[in-house]
Amino acid sequence: MTFSDIFKSSFLENVTSVSLLDMALALLFSFGIGMFIFLVYQKTYQGVMYSSSFGTTLIALTMITTIVILAVTSNVVLSLGMVGALSIVRFRTAIKEPLDIAFLFWAIADGIVLAAGMLPLAIIGSVLIGLILLVFVNRKTHCCPYIVVLSCVNSFAEQSARSFLESRVLRSVVKSKSASEGSVDLNLEVRLKEDNTDFINALSEMDGVTSAILLSYNGDYMG
C-alpha cells in the first residue's frame, strides 16, 4: 500500500461529504431550538423534584440527533450501518413524568428536521408546540382533584365533618378510611366548586376534628 492509496481511502473522501457551513448552521440552530425546548420544560415542569440534568439532556439530544442525521443523509451505506448500531442501544432510565416523553420526542424530532434542512418547519413547529404546552400545562383550574386528609375523634365528628365538606365542594369520594380507639382517619378525593380553599380552615376548627389537610393530587404524587 502506497501513500497514494491511503489518501484515496473512503474515510478521507467522507471528510468533505458535509460542508463546514452546513455543519455549523445545523448545530447552531439545533442548539437554539434545544435551548427553547429547555426553557419550555422549565416553565411547564410540574413534578415533585426538578432535574436540571434532564433539561440539559434535551439540548444535547437535539444536537446529537442533528449530527447523526447529517451523517446518515450524506452516505447511504452509513445509514444502514447506523440502523444496526443504534438497534443495540438500550436505555434503562425510568421516565417518571408522562410529559417528559413528549419533550424527548420533541428534541429528537427537531434534530431530524433540522438535519434534513427543513428549517422553517423546525422553527414554526417548535414555537407552536411550545405555546400549546405553556397554555395547557400551566392552566389552573379548580376542577383539578384534591385529597383531604381528615382526622376525627369519633364517628359523630366524622359525619359532621363530611356533611360540612360535601356542602362546600363539588364532589367528595372516600378513598380510604382507618379507625382506631379515639381516632378516625379518612382520605377523600374532592373537586372544588371554585378556586377557594378557605373551607379547610373552618373544617379544622370543627368540634371533634383534630386535623384537616388539603393536598393537590395528579394520580402519581401528592404535594
N, C-alpha and C. Protein backbone atom coordinates (compact mmCIF):
# COMPACT_ATOMS: atom_id res chain seq x y z
N MET A 1 0.85 -1.19 0.00
CA MET A 1 0.00 0.00 0.00
C MET A 1 0.88 1.24 0.00
N THR A 2 0.63 2.16 -0.91
CA THR A 2 1.40 3.39 -1.02
C THR A 2 0.67 4.54 -0.34
N PHE A 3 1.37 5.69 -0.24
CA PHE A 3 0.75 6.88 0.32
C PHE A 3 -0.43 7.34 -0.53
N SER A 4 -0.33 7.11 -1.81
CA SER A 4 -1.43 7.48 -2.71
C SER A 4 -2.69 6.69 -2.40
N ASP A 5 -2.51 5.40 -2.10
CA ASP A 5 -3.67 4.56 -1.75
C ASP A 5 -4.31 5.02 -0.45
N ILE A 6 -3.49 5.46 0.49
CA ILE A 6 -4.02 5.92 1.77
C ILE A 6 -4.90 7.15 1.59
N PHE A 7 -4.43 8.10 0.79
CA PHE A 7 -5.20 9.33 0.61
C PHE A 7 -6.42 9.14 -0.27
N LYS A 8 -6.49 7.99 -0.95
CA LYS A 8 -7.67 7.70 -1.75
C LYS A 8 -8.70 6.87 -0.99
N SER A 9 -8.47 6.65 0.28
CA SER A 9 -9.38 5.81 1.08
C SER A 9 -10.74 6.48 1.21
N SER A 10 -11.75 5.66 1.40
CA SER A 10 -13.11 6.18 1.53
C SER A 10 -13.27 7.02 2.79
N PHE A 11 -12.44 6.73 3.80
CA PHE A 11 -12.53 7.51 5.03
C PHE A 11 -12.23 8.99 4.77
N LEU A 12 -11.15 9.25 4.03
CA LEU A 12 -10.79 10.63 3.74
C LEU A 12 -11.77 11.28 2.77
N GLU A 13 -12.38 10.48 1.91
CA GLU A 13 -13.37 11.03 0.99
C GLU A 13 -14.61 11.51 1.72
N ASN A 14 -14.92 10.88 2.84
CA ASN A 14 -16.11 11.27 3.60
C ASN A 14 -15.90 12.54 4.42
N VAL A 15 -14.67 13.01 4.51
CA VAL A 15 -14.40 14.22 5.30
C VAL A 15 -15.15 15.41 4.73
N THR A 16 -15.24 15.49 3.43
CA THR A 16 -15.90 16.63 2.78
C THR A 16 -17.33 16.33 2.35
N SER A 17 -17.90 15.24 2.83
CA SER A 17 -19.26 14.90 2.43
C SER A 17 -20.28 15.88 2.99
N VAL A 18 -19.99 16.47 4.12
CA VAL A 18 -20.83 17.51 4.72
C VAL A 18 -19.98 18.75 4.86
N SER A 19 -20.42 19.85 4.29
CA SER A 19 -19.62 21.08 4.32
C SER A 19 -19.58 21.66 5.73
N LEU A 20 -18.54 22.43 5.99
CA LEU A 20 -18.40 23.06 7.31
C LEU A 20 -19.52 24.05 7.57
N LEU A 21 -19.95 24.75 6.53
CA LEU A 21 -21.05 25.71 6.71
C LEU A 21 -22.34 25.01 7.09
N ASP A 22 -22.64 23.88 6.43
CA ASP A 22 -23.85 23.13 6.76
C ASP A 22 -23.80 22.62 8.20
N MET A 23 -22.64 22.11 8.60
CA MET A 23 -22.49 21.62 9.97
C MET A 23 -22.68 22.73 10.99
N ALA A 24 -22.05 23.88 10.73
CA ALA A 24 -22.11 25.00 11.67
C ALA A 24 -23.54 25.51 11.82
N LEU A 25 -24.22 25.68 10.67
CA LEU A 25 -25.60 26.19 10.72
C LEU A 25 -26.54 25.20 11.40
N ALA A 26 -26.40 23.93 11.06
CA ALA A 26 -27.28 22.91 11.65
C ALA A 26 -27.09 22.83 13.17
N LEU A 27 -25.84 22.83 13.62
CA LEU A 27 -25.58 22.74 15.05
C LEU A 27 -26.00 24.02 15.77
N LEU A 28 -25.82 25.16 15.13
CA LEU A 28 -26.23 26.43 15.75
C LEU A 28 -27.73 26.48 15.94
N PHE A 29 -28.48 26.12 14.91
CA PHE A 29 -29.94 26.13 15.02
C PHE A 29 -30.43 25.05 15.98
N SER A 30 -29.79 23.90 15.99
CA SER A 30 -30.20 22.84 16.91
C SER A 30 -29.95 23.26 18.36
N PHE A 31 -28.85 23.97 18.59
CA PHE A 31 -28.61 24.47 19.94
C PHE A 31 -29.67 25.50 20.35
N GLY A 32 -30.02 26.39 19.43
CA GLY A 32 -31.04 27.40 19.74
C GLY A 32 -32.39 26.78 20.03
N ILE A 33 -32.81 25.83 19.20
CA ILE A 33 -34.10 25.17 19.42
C ILE A 33 -34.04 24.30 20.67
N GLY A 34 -32.89 23.67 20.91
CA GLY A 34 -32.74 22.89 22.15
C GLY A 34 -32.88 23.76 23.38
N MET A 35 -32.33 24.97 23.34
CA MET A 35 -32.48 25.92 24.45
C MET A 35 -33.94 26.32 24.63
N PHE A 36 -34.65 26.49 23.51
CA PHE A 36 -36.08 26.83 23.60
C PHE A 36 -36.86 25.69 24.25
N ILE A 37 -36.56 24.45 23.85
CA ILE A 37 -37.23 23.30 24.47
C ILE A 37 -36.92 23.24 25.95
N PHE A 38 -35.67 23.51 26.31
CA PHE A 38 -35.26 23.51 27.72
C PHE A 38 -36.02 24.56 28.52
N LEU A 39 -36.19 25.76 27.97
CA LEU A 39 -36.92 26.83 28.68
C LEU A 39 -38.40 26.47 28.84
N VAL A 40 -38.99 25.88 27.80
CA VAL A 40 -40.39 25.46 27.91
C VAL A 40 -40.52 24.37 28.96
N TYR A 41 -39.55 23.47 29.02
CA TYR A 41 -39.57 22.40 30.03
C TYR A 41 -39.52 23.00 31.44
N GLN A 42 -38.69 24.03 31.64
CA GLN A 42 -38.61 24.69 32.94
C GLN A 42 -39.94 25.32 33.33
N LYS A 43 -40.59 25.97 32.38
CA LYS A 43 -41.83 26.69 32.66
C LYS A 43 -43.02 25.76 32.89
N THR A 44 -42.97 24.57 32.32
CA THR A 44 -44.13 23.68 32.40
C THR A 44 -43.92 22.51 33.35
N TYR A 45 -42.76 22.42 34.00
CA TYR A 45 -42.50 21.27 34.87
C TYR A 45 -43.42 21.31 36.08
N GLN A 46 -44.07 20.18 36.37
CA GLN A 46 -44.99 20.08 37.49
C GLN A 46 -44.72 18.86 38.35
N GLY A 47 -43.55 18.27 38.22
CA GLY A 47 -43.22 17.09 39.01
C GLY A 47 -42.86 17.44 40.43
N VAL A 48 -42.42 16.43 41.16
CA VAL A 48 -42.08 16.62 42.57
C VAL A 48 -40.73 17.31 42.72
N MET A 49 -39.71 16.81 42.03
CA MET A 49 -38.36 17.36 42.13
C MET A 49 -37.83 17.65 40.73
N TYR A 50 -37.49 18.92 40.49
CA TYR A 50 -37.00 19.33 39.18
C TYR A 50 -35.58 18.82 38.97
N SER A 51 -35.32 18.26 37.79
CA SER A 51 -33.99 17.74 37.45
C SER A 51 -33.39 18.61 36.36
N SER A 52 -32.35 19.37 36.71
CA SER A 52 -31.69 20.22 35.71
C SER A 52 -30.94 19.39 34.68
N SER A 53 -30.49 18.19 35.06
CA SER A 53 -29.77 17.34 34.12
C SER A 53 -30.67 16.89 32.98
N PHE A 54 -31.96 16.69 33.24
CA PHE A 54 -32.87 16.30 32.16
C PHE A 54 -33.04 17.44 31.17
N GLY A 55 -33.11 18.66 31.69
CA GLY A 55 -33.21 19.82 30.80
C GLY A 55 -31.99 19.95 29.92
N THR A 56 -30.80 19.74 30.49
CA THR A 56 -29.57 19.78 29.71
C THR A 56 -29.55 18.65 28.68
N THR A 57 -30.12 17.51 29.04
CA THR A 57 -30.19 16.38 28.12
C THR A 57 -31.01 16.72 26.88
N LEU A 58 -32.05 17.53 27.04
CA LEU A 58 -32.87 17.92 25.89
C LEU A 58 -32.06 18.72 24.88
N ILE A 59 -31.19 19.62 25.38
CA ILE A 59 -30.34 20.39 24.47
C ILE A 59 -29.36 19.47 23.75
N ALA A 60 -28.69 18.61 24.54
CA ALA A 60 -27.71 17.69 23.96
C ALA A 60 -28.37 16.73 22.98
N LEU A 61 -29.57 16.25 23.30
CA LEU A 61 -30.25 15.28 22.43
C LEU A 61 -30.60 15.90 21.09
N THR A 62 -31.02 17.17 21.09
CA THR A 62 -31.32 17.86 19.83
C THR A 62 -30.09 17.95 18.95
N MET A 63 -28.96 18.32 19.55
CA MET A 63 -27.72 18.47 18.78
C MET A 63 -27.17 17.11 18.33
N ILE A 64 -27.24 16.12 19.20
CA ILE A 64 -26.73 14.79 18.84
C ILE A 64 -27.54 14.19 17.69
N THR A 65 -28.86 14.34 17.75
CA THR A 65 -29.71 13.83 16.67
C THR A 65 -29.39 14.53 15.36
N THR A 66 -29.13 15.83 15.43
CA THR A 66 -28.76 16.56 14.22
C THR A 66 -27.48 16.02 13.61
N ILE A 67 -26.47 15.74 14.45
CA ILE A 67 -25.20 15.20 13.96
C ILE A 67 -25.42 13.83 13.31
N VAL A 68 -26.20 12.97 13.96
CA VAL A 68 -26.43 11.63 13.43
C VAL A 68 -27.14 11.68 12.08
N ILE A 69 -28.17 12.52 11.97
CA ILE A 69 -28.94 12.58 10.73
C ILE A 69 -28.11 13.22 9.62
N LEU A 70 -27.25 14.19 9.94
CA LEU A 70 -26.36 14.75 8.93
C LEU A 70 -25.45 13.67 8.35
N ALA A 71 -24.93 12.82 9.22
CA ALA A 71 -24.06 11.73 8.76
C ALA A 71 -24.83 10.73 7.92
N VAL A 72 -26.04 10.41 8.34
CA VAL A 72 -26.85 9.42 7.63
C VAL A 72 -27.24 9.91 6.24
N THR A 73 -27.64 11.19 6.14
CA THR A 73 -28.10 11.72 4.86
C THR A 73 -26.96 11.89 3.86
N SER A 74 -25.72 11.90 4.35
CA SER A 74 -24.58 12.10 3.45
C SER A 74 -24.05 10.79 2.88
N ASN A 75 -24.49 9.65 3.44
CA ASN A 75 -23.93 8.37 3.00
C ASN A 75 -24.98 7.28 3.20
N VAL A 76 -25.41 6.67 2.12
CA VAL A 76 -26.45 5.63 2.20
C VAL A 76 -25.93 4.40 2.93
N VAL A 77 -24.69 4.01 2.66
CA VAL A 77 -24.12 2.83 3.33
C VAL A 77 -24.02 3.07 4.83
N LEU A 78 -23.64 4.29 5.21
CA LEU A 78 -23.54 4.62 6.63
C LEU A 78 -24.90 4.58 7.31
N SER A 79 -25.94 4.96 6.59
CA SER A 79 -27.29 4.94 7.19
C SER A 79 -27.71 3.52 7.55
N LEU A 80 -27.34 2.53 6.71
CA LEU A 80 -27.67 1.14 7.02
C LEU A 80 -26.90 0.64 8.24
N GLY A 81 -25.63 1.01 8.32
CA GLY A 81 -24.84 0.62 9.48
C GLY A 81 -25.30 1.30 10.75
N MET A 82 -25.78 2.55 10.62
CA MET A 82 -26.26 3.28 11.79
C MET A 82 -27.50 2.64 12.37
N VAL A 83 -28.37 2.14 11.52
CA VAL A 83 -29.58 1.45 11.99
C VAL A 83 -29.21 0.23 12.83
N GLY A 84 -28.25 -0.53 12.36
CA GLY A 84 -27.83 -1.71 13.11
C GLY A 84 -27.13 -1.35 14.41
N ALA A 85 -26.32 -0.28 14.39
CA ALA A 85 -25.60 0.12 15.59
C ALA A 85 -26.54 0.64 16.66
N LEU A 86 -27.50 1.46 16.26
CA LEU A 86 -28.42 2.06 17.24
C LEU A 86 -29.44 1.05 17.76
N SER A 87 -29.66 -0.04 17.02
CA SER A 87 -30.64 -1.02 17.46
C SER A 87 -30.19 -1.79 18.71
N ILE A 88 -28.89 -1.77 19.01
CA ILE A 88 -28.39 -2.49 20.18
C ILE A 88 -28.36 -1.60 21.42
N VAL A 89 -28.70 -0.31 21.27
CA VAL A 89 -28.68 0.60 22.41
C VAL A 89 -29.93 0.38 23.24
N ARG A 90 -29.75 0.27 24.54
CA ARG A 90 -30.87 0.08 25.46
C ARG A 90 -30.80 1.13 26.56
N PHE A 91 -31.93 1.78 26.83
CA PHE A 91 -31.99 2.79 27.87
C PHE A 91 -32.78 2.23 29.05
N ARG A 92 -32.19 2.29 30.23
CA ARG A 92 -32.81 1.73 31.42
C ARG A 92 -33.38 2.78 32.36
N THR A 93 -33.19 4.07 32.05
CA THR A 93 -33.68 5.12 32.93
C THR A 93 -35.20 5.21 32.84
N ALA A 94 -35.87 5.17 33.98
CA ALA A 94 -37.32 5.24 34.00
C ALA A 94 -37.78 6.68 33.82
N ILE A 95 -38.82 6.87 33.01
CA ILE A 95 -39.41 8.19 32.81
C ILE A 95 -40.52 8.35 33.84
N LYS A 96 -40.33 9.26 34.79
CA LYS A 96 -41.29 9.40 35.90
C LYS A 96 -42.50 10.24 35.51
N GLU A 97 -42.31 11.23 34.67
CA GLU A 97 -43.41 12.10 34.27
C GLU A 97 -43.81 11.81 32.83
N PRO A 98 -45.08 11.57 32.54
CA PRO A 98 -45.50 11.29 31.16
C PRO A 98 -45.15 12.41 30.20
N LEU A 99 -45.17 13.66 30.67
CA LEU A 99 -44.87 14.78 29.79
C LEU A 99 -43.41 14.79 29.35
N ASP A 100 -42.53 14.17 30.14
CA ASP A 100 -41.11 14.11 29.77
C ASP A 100 -40.91 13.35 28.46
N ILE A 101 -41.77 12.36 28.20
CA ILE A 101 -41.67 11.60 26.95
C ILE A 101 -41.91 12.52 25.76
N ALA A 102 -42.88 13.45 25.91
CA ALA A 102 -43.17 14.39 24.82
C ALA A 102 -41.97 15.28 24.55
N PHE A 103 -41.28 15.71 25.60
CA PHE A 103 -40.10 16.57 25.42
C PHE A 103 -38.96 15.80 24.75
N LEU A 104 -38.80 14.54 25.09
CA LEU A 104 -37.75 13.74 24.45
C LEU A 104 -38.02 13.58 22.96
N PHE A 105 -39.25 13.23 22.60
CA PHE A 105 -39.60 13.09 21.19
C PHE A 105 -39.51 14.43 20.46
N TRP A 106 -39.86 15.51 21.16
CA TRP A 106 -39.77 16.85 20.58
C TRP A 106 -38.32 17.16 20.20
N ALA A 107 -37.39 16.90 21.12
CA ALA A 107 -35.97 17.17 20.86
C ALA A 107 -35.45 16.31 19.71
N ILE A 108 -35.82 15.02 19.70
CA ILE A 108 -35.37 14.13 18.62
C ILE A 108 -35.94 14.56 17.28
N ALA A 109 -37.24 14.89 17.25
CA ALA A 109 -37.89 15.28 16.00
C ALA A 109 -37.27 16.56 15.44
N ASP A 110 -36.98 17.54 16.31
CA ASP A 110 -36.37 18.78 15.82
C ASP A 110 -34.97 18.53 15.28
N GLY A 111 -34.22 17.63 15.92
CA GLY A 111 -32.90 17.30 15.41
C GLY A 111 -32.97 16.69 14.03
N ILE A 112 -33.95 15.81 13.80
CA ILE A 112 -34.11 15.17 12.49
C ILE A 112 -34.51 16.19 11.43
N VAL A 113 -35.48 17.05 11.78
CA VAL A 113 -35.98 18.03 10.82
C VAL A 113 -34.90 19.04 10.45
N LEU A 114 -34.14 19.47 11.43
CA LEU A 114 -33.07 20.44 11.16
C LEU A 114 -32.00 19.84 10.25
N ALA A 115 -31.59 18.61 10.54
CA ALA A 115 -30.56 17.96 9.72
C ALA A 115 -31.05 17.73 8.30
N ALA A 116 -32.36 17.59 8.14
CA ALA A 116 -32.92 17.40 6.79
C ALA A 116 -33.04 18.72 6.04
N GLY A 117 -32.71 19.84 6.70
CA GLY A 117 -32.73 21.14 6.04
C GLY A 117 -34.08 21.83 6.07
N MET A 118 -35.05 21.30 6.82
CA MET A 118 -36.38 21.90 6.89
C MET A 118 -36.43 22.90 8.04
N LEU A 119 -35.70 23.98 7.90
CA LEU A 119 -35.56 24.96 8.97
C LEU A 119 -36.89 25.64 9.34
N PRO A 120 -37.69 26.11 8.37
CA PRO A 120 -38.98 26.74 8.75
C PRO A 120 -39.88 25.80 9.53
N LEU A 121 -39.93 24.52 9.10
CA LEU A 121 -40.76 23.55 9.82
C LEU A 121 -40.28 23.37 11.25
N ALA A 122 -38.97 23.32 11.47
CA ALA A 122 -38.42 23.14 12.82
C ALA A 122 -38.74 24.34 13.71
N ILE A 123 -38.57 25.55 13.17
CA ILE A 123 -38.79 26.75 13.98
C ILE A 123 -40.27 26.98 14.26
N ILE A 124 -41.08 26.97 13.22
CA ILE A 124 -42.52 27.22 13.39
C ILE A 124 -43.16 26.13 14.23
N GLY A 125 -42.79 24.87 13.95
CA GLY A 125 -43.34 23.76 14.74
C GLY A 125 -42.97 23.85 16.20
N SER A 126 -41.72 24.22 16.49
CA SER A 126 -41.29 24.33 17.88
C SER A 126 -42.02 25.45 18.61
N VAL A 127 -42.19 26.58 17.93
CA VAL A 127 -42.90 27.70 18.55
C VAL A 127 -44.34 27.32 18.88
N LEU A 128 -45.02 26.66 17.94
CA LEU A 128 -46.42 26.26 18.16
C LEU A 128 -46.52 25.23 19.29
N ILE A 129 -45.63 24.25 19.28
CA ILE A 129 -45.66 23.23 20.34
C ILE A 129 -45.38 23.87 21.70
N GLY A 130 -44.41 24.78 21.74
CA GLY A 130 -44.09 25.45 23.00
C GLY A 130 -45.25 26.26 23.53
N LEU A 131 -45.93 27.00 22.65
CA LEU A 131 -47.09 27.80 23.08
C LEU A 131 -48.22 26.92 23.59
N ILE A 132 -48.46 25.81 22.89
CA ILE A 132 -49.53 24.89 23.32
C ILE A 132 -49.23 24.32 24.70
N LEU A 133 -47.98 23.92 24.92
CA LEU A 133 -47.60 23.37 26.22
C LEU A 133 -47.71 24.42 27.32
N LEU A 134 -47.27 25.64 27.05
CA LEU A 134 -47.33 26.70 28.05
C LEU A 134 -48.77 27.02 28.43
N VAL A 135 -49.66 26.99 27.44
CA VAL A 135 -51.06 27.33 27.71
C VAL A 135 -51.77 26.21 28.47
N PHE A 136 -51.64 24.98 28.00
CA PHE A 136 -52.42 23.89 28.57
C PHE A 136 -51.82 23.32 29.85
N VAL A 137 -50.51 23.23 29.93
CA VAL A 137 -49.90 22.64 31.13
C VAL A 137 -50.00 23.58 32.31
N ASN A 138 -49.82 24.90 32.07
CA ASN A 138 -49.85 25.87 33.17
C ASN A 138 -51.24 26.38 33.47
N ARG A 139 -52.26 25.87 32.79
CA ARG A 139 -53.62 26.32 33.05
C ARG A 139 -54.09 25.82 34.40
N LYS A 140 -54.52 26.75 35.22
CA LYS A 140 -55.01 26.41 36.55
C LYS A 140 -56.53 26.31 36.53
N THR A 141 -57.04 25.28 37.14
CA THR A 141 -58.48 25.10 37.21
C THR A 141 -58.87 24.52 38.55
N HIS A 142 -60.00 24.99 39.09
CA HIS A 142 -60.46 24.50 40.38
C HIS A 142 -61.07 23.10 40.27
N CYS A 143 -61.24 22.60 39.03
CA CYS A 143 -61.79 21.26 38.86
C CYS A 143 -60.75 20.17 39.05
N CYS A 144 -59.50 20.55 39.24
CA CYS A 144 -58.46 19.56 39.48
C CYS A 144 -58.74 18.82 40.79
N PRO A 145 -58.45 17.53 40.85
CA PRO A 145 -58.74 16.78 42.08
C PRO A 145 -57.79 17.15 43.22
N TYR A 146 -58.32 17.11 44.41
CA TYR A 146 -57.55 17.32 45.64
C TYR A 146 -57.84 16.17 46.60
N ILE A 147 -56.92 15.97 47.51
CA ILE A 147 -57.10 14.96 48.56
C ILE A 147 -57.21 15.68 49.91
N VAL A 148 -58.25 15.36 50.65
CA VAL A 148 -58.43 15.88 52.01
C VAL A 148 -58.10 14.75 52.98
N VAL A 149 -57.10 15.00 53.81
CA VAL A 149 -56.72 14.04 54.86
C VAL A 149 -57.37 14.53 56.15
N LEU A 150 -58.31 13.76 56.64
CA LEU A 150 -59.15 14.19 57.76
C LEU A 150 -58.98 13.26 58.95
N SER A 151 -58.78 13.82 60.13
CA SER A 151 -58.67 13.05 61.37
C SER A 151 -59.73 13.52 62.35
N CYS A 152 -60.54 12.57 62.84
CA CYS A 152 -61.62 12.89 63.78
C CYS A 152 -61.49 12.01 65.02
N VAL A 153 -62.16 12.43 66.08
CA VAL A 153 -62.06 11.69 67.34
C VAL A 153 -63.06 10.55 67.41
N ASN A 154 -64.19 10.65 66.70
CA ASN A 154 -65.19 9.60 66.73
C ASN A 154 -66.05 9.67 65.47
N SER A 155 -66.99 8.73 65.33
CA SER A 155 -67.82 8.65 64.14
C SER A 155 -68.78 9.83 64.03
N PHE A 156 -69.23 10.37 65.17
CA PHE A 156 -70.14 11.53 65.13
C PHE A 156 -69.42 12.74 64.52
N ALA A 157 -68.18 12.98 64.96
CA ALA A 157 -67.40 14.09 64.40
C ALA A 157 -67.11 13.84 62.91
N GLU A 158 -66.93 12.56 62.56
CA GLU A 158 -66.69 12.23 61.15
C GLU A 158 -67.89 12.60 60.29
N GLN A 159 -69.09 12.23 60.73
CA GLN A 159 -70.29 12.54 59.96
C GLN A 159 -70.51 14.04 59.82
N SER A 160 -70.26 14.79 60.92
CA SER A 160 -70.43 16.24 60.87
C SER A 160 -69.42 16.87 59.91
N ALA A 161 -68.17 16.39 59.95
CA ALA A 161 -67.13 16.93 59.08
C ALA A 161 -67.43 16.61 57.61
N ARG A 162 -67.88 15.39 57.33
CA ARG A 162 -68.18 15.01 55.96
C ARG A 162 -69.38 15.79 55.42
N SER A 163 -70.38 16.04 56.25
CA SER A 163 -71.54 16.82 55.82
C SER A 163 -71.13 18.25 55.48
N PHE A 164 -70.27 18.82 56.32
CA PHE A 164 -69.79 20.18 56.05
C PHE A 164 -68.95 20.20 54.77
N LEU A 165 -68.10 19.20 54.60
CA LEU A 165 -67.22 19.15 53.42
C LEU A 165 -68.04 19.00 52.14
N GLU A 166 -69.04 18.13 52.16
CA GLU A 166 -69.86 17.90 50.97
C GLU A 166 -70.66 19.14 50.57
N SER A 167 -70.96 20.01 51.55
CA SER A 167 -71.69 21.24 51.25
C SER A 167 -70.79 22.31 50.64
N ARG A 168 -69.46 22.15 50.78
CA ARG A 168 -68.53 23.18 50.31
C ARG A 168 -67.78 22.78 49.04
N VAL A 169 -67.89 21.53 48.63
CA VAL A 169 -67.16 21.08 47.43
C VAL A 169 -68.15 20.55 46.41
N LEU A 170 -67.64 20.38 45.19
CA LEU A 170 -68.50 19.89 44.11
C LEU A 170 -68.74 18.40 44.23
N ARG A 171 -67.72 17.65 44.64
CA ARG A 171 -67.85 16.21 44.79
C ARG A 171 -66.89 15.73 45.85
N SER A 172 -67.30 14.71 46.59
CA SER A 172 -66.46 14.14 47.65
C SER A 172 -66.59 12.63 47.62
N VAL A 173 -65.45 11.93 47.52
CA VAL A 173 -65.44 10.48 47.45
C VAL A 173 -64.40 9.96 48.44
N VAL A 174 -64.80 9.00 49.28
CA VAL A 174 -63.88 8.41 50.24
C VAL A 174 -62.94 7.45 49.52
N LYS A 175 -61.64 7.66 49.67
CA LYS A 175 -60.64 6.79 49.06
C LYS A 175 -60.11 5.75 50.04
N SER A 176 -59.99 6.13 51.30
CA SER A 176 -59.54 5.17 52.32
C SER A 176 -60.01 5.66 53.68
N LYS A 177 -60.14 4.69 54.59
CA LYS A 177 -60.59 5.02 55.93
C LYS A 177 -59.98 4.03 56.91
N SER A 178 -59.45 4.57 58.00
CA SER A 178 -58.91 3.72 59.06
C SER A 178 -59.44 4.22 60.40
N ALA A 179 -59.76 3.27 61.27
CA ALA A 179 -60.34 3.62 62.57
C ALA A 179 -59.59 2.89 63.67
N SER A 180 -59.36 3.60 64.74
CA SER A 180 -58.76 3.04 65.94
C SER A 180 -59.42 3.70 67.13
N GLU A 181 -59.07 3.27 68.33
CA GLU A 181 -59.72 3.80 69.52
C GLU A 181 -59.39 5.30 69.67
N GLY A 182 -60.44 6.12 69.61
CA GLY A 182 -60.28 7.56 69.76
C GLY A 182 -59.80 8.27 68.51
N SER A 183 -59.83 7.60 67.35
CA SER A 183 -59.34 8.25 66.13
C SER A 183 -59.96 7.60 64.89
N VAL A 184 -60.41 8.45 63.96
CA VAL A 184 -60.92 8.01 62.66
C VAL A 184 -60.21 8.85 61.60
N ASP A 185 -59.49 8.18 60.70
CA ASP A 185 -58.72 8.87 59.66
C ASP A 185 -59.31 8.54 58.30
N LEU A 186 -59.50 9.58 57.49
CA LEU A 186 -60.07 9.41 56.16
C LEU A 186 -59.23 10.16 55.13
N ASN A 187 -59.18 9.56 53.93
CA ASN A 187 -58.64 10.24 52.75
C ASN A 187 -59.77 10.37 51.74
N LEU A 188 -60.10 11.60 51.38
CA LEU A 188 -61.22 11.85 50.48
C LEU A 188 -60.73 12.62 49.26
N GLU A 189 -61.17 12.17 48.09
CA GLU A 189 -60.91 12.93 46.87
C GLU A 189 -62.05 13.92 46.66
N VAL A 190 -61.70 15.19 46.47
CA VAL A 190 -62.71 16.23 46.33
C VAL A 190 -62.46 17.04 45.07
N ARG A 191 -63.52 17.60 44.53
CA ARG A 191 -63.45 18.57 43.43
C ARG A 191 -64.06 19.87 43.94
N LEU A 192 -63.31 20.95 43.82
CA LEU A 192 -63.73 22.23 44.38
C LEU A 192 -64.76 22.91 43.47
N LYS A 193 -65.66 23.67 44.09
CA LYS A 193 -66.62 24.45 43.34
C LYS A 193 -65.97 25.68 42.71
N GLU A 194 -64.99 26.23 43.41
CA GLU A 194 -64.28 27.41 42.93
C GLU A 194 -62.86 27.36 43.49
N ASP A 195 -62.03 28.26 43.01
CA ASP A 195 -60.62 28.26 43.43
C ASP A 195 -60.49 28.95 44.78
N ASN A 196 -61.05 28.31 45.80
CA ASN A 196 -61.03 28.86 47.15
C ASN A 196 -60.89 27.70 48.14
N THR A 197 -59.85 27.74 48.96
CA THR A 197 -59.57 26.64 49.88
C THR A 197 -59.78 27.04 51.34
N ASP A 198 -60.51 28.14 51.58
CA ASP A 198 -60.72 28.59 52.96
C ASP A 198 -61.56 27.61 53.78
N PHE A 199 -62.32 26.76 53.09
CA PHE A 199 -63.17 25.82 53.81
C PHE A 199 -62.35 24.86 54.67
N ILE A 200 -61.10 24.60 54.29
CA ILE A 200 -60.27 23.67 55.05
C ILE A 200 -59.95 24.24 56.43
N ASN A 201 -59.89 25.59 56.53
CA ASN A 201 -59.66 26.24 57.82
C ASN A 201 -60.85 26.02 58.75
N ALA A 202 -62.04 26.24 58.21
CA ALA A 202 -63.25 26.04 59.02
C ALA A 202 -63.41 24.57 59.39
N LEU A 203 -63.02 23.68 58.49
CA LEU A 203 -63.14 22.25 58.77
C LEU A 203 -62.23 21.84 59.92
N SER A 204 -61.04 22.38 59.99
CA SER A 204 -60.09 22.02 61.05
C SER A 204 -60.51 22.55 62.41
N GLU A 205 -61.38 23.58 62.42
CA GLU A 205 -61.82 24.18 63.68
C GLU A 205 -63.11 23.56 64.22
N MET A 206 -63.67 22.59 63.52
CA MET A 206 -64.91 21.96 63.97
C MET A 206 -64.65 21.08 65.20
N ASP A 207 -65.65 20.93 66.01
CA ASP A 207 -65.53 20.08 67.21
C ASP A 207 -65.33 18.62 66.79
N GLY A 208 -64.36 18.00 67.41
CA GLY A 208 -64.08 16.60 67.13
C GLY A 208 -63.12 16.37 65.98
N VAL A 209 -62.72 17.42 65.27
CA VAL A 209 -61.77 17.29 64.16
C VAL A 209 -60.38 17.70 64.68
N THR A 210 -59.46 16.76 64.67
CA THR A 210 -58.11 17.04 65.18
C THR A 210 -57.20 17.64 64.12
N SER A 211 -57.40 17.30 62.85
CA SER A 211 -56.60 17.88 61.77
C SER A 211 -57.31 17.71 60.45
N ALA A 212 -57.06 18.67 59.54
CA ALA A 212 -57.61 18.62 58.19
C ALA A 212 -56.55 19.17 57.24
N ILE A 213 -56.15 18.35 56.28
CA ILE A 213 -55.07 18.71 55.36
C ILE A 213 -55.58 18.59 53.93
N LEU A 214 -55.29 19.60 53.12
CA LEU A 214 -55.68 19.60 51.70
C LEU A 214 -54.43 19.46 50.85
N LEU A 215 -54.42 18.45 49.97
CA LEU A 215 -53.26 18.17 49.11
C LEU A 215 -53.69 18.14 47.66
N SER A 216 -52.87 18.74 46.79
CA SER A 216 -53.11 18.59 45.36
C SER A 216 -52.79 17.17 44.95
N TYR A 217 -53.45 16.70 43.90
CA TYR A 217 -53.34 15.28 43.54
C TYR A 217 -53.41 15.15 42.03
N ASN A 218 -52.44 14.41 41.45
CA ASN A 218 -52.47 14.18 40.00
C ASN A 218 -52.44 12.71 39.63
N GLY A 219 -52.66 11.83 40.60
CA GLY A 219 -52.68 10.40 40.33
C GLY A 219 -51.37 9.71 40.57
N ASP A 220 -50.23 10.46 40.59
CA ASP A 220 -48.91 9.86 40.79
C ASP A 220 -48.28 10.30 42.10
N TYR A 221 -48.57 11.50 42.51
CA TYR A 221 -47.95 12.02 43.72
C TYR A 221 -48.90 13.02 44.38
N MET A 222 -48.62 13.31 45.62
CA MET A 222 -49.36 14.32 46.34
C MET A 222 -48.36 15.32 46.90
N GLY A 223 -48.72 16.58 46.91
CA GLY A 223 -47.81 17.60 47.44
C GLY A 223 -48.42 18.97 47.45
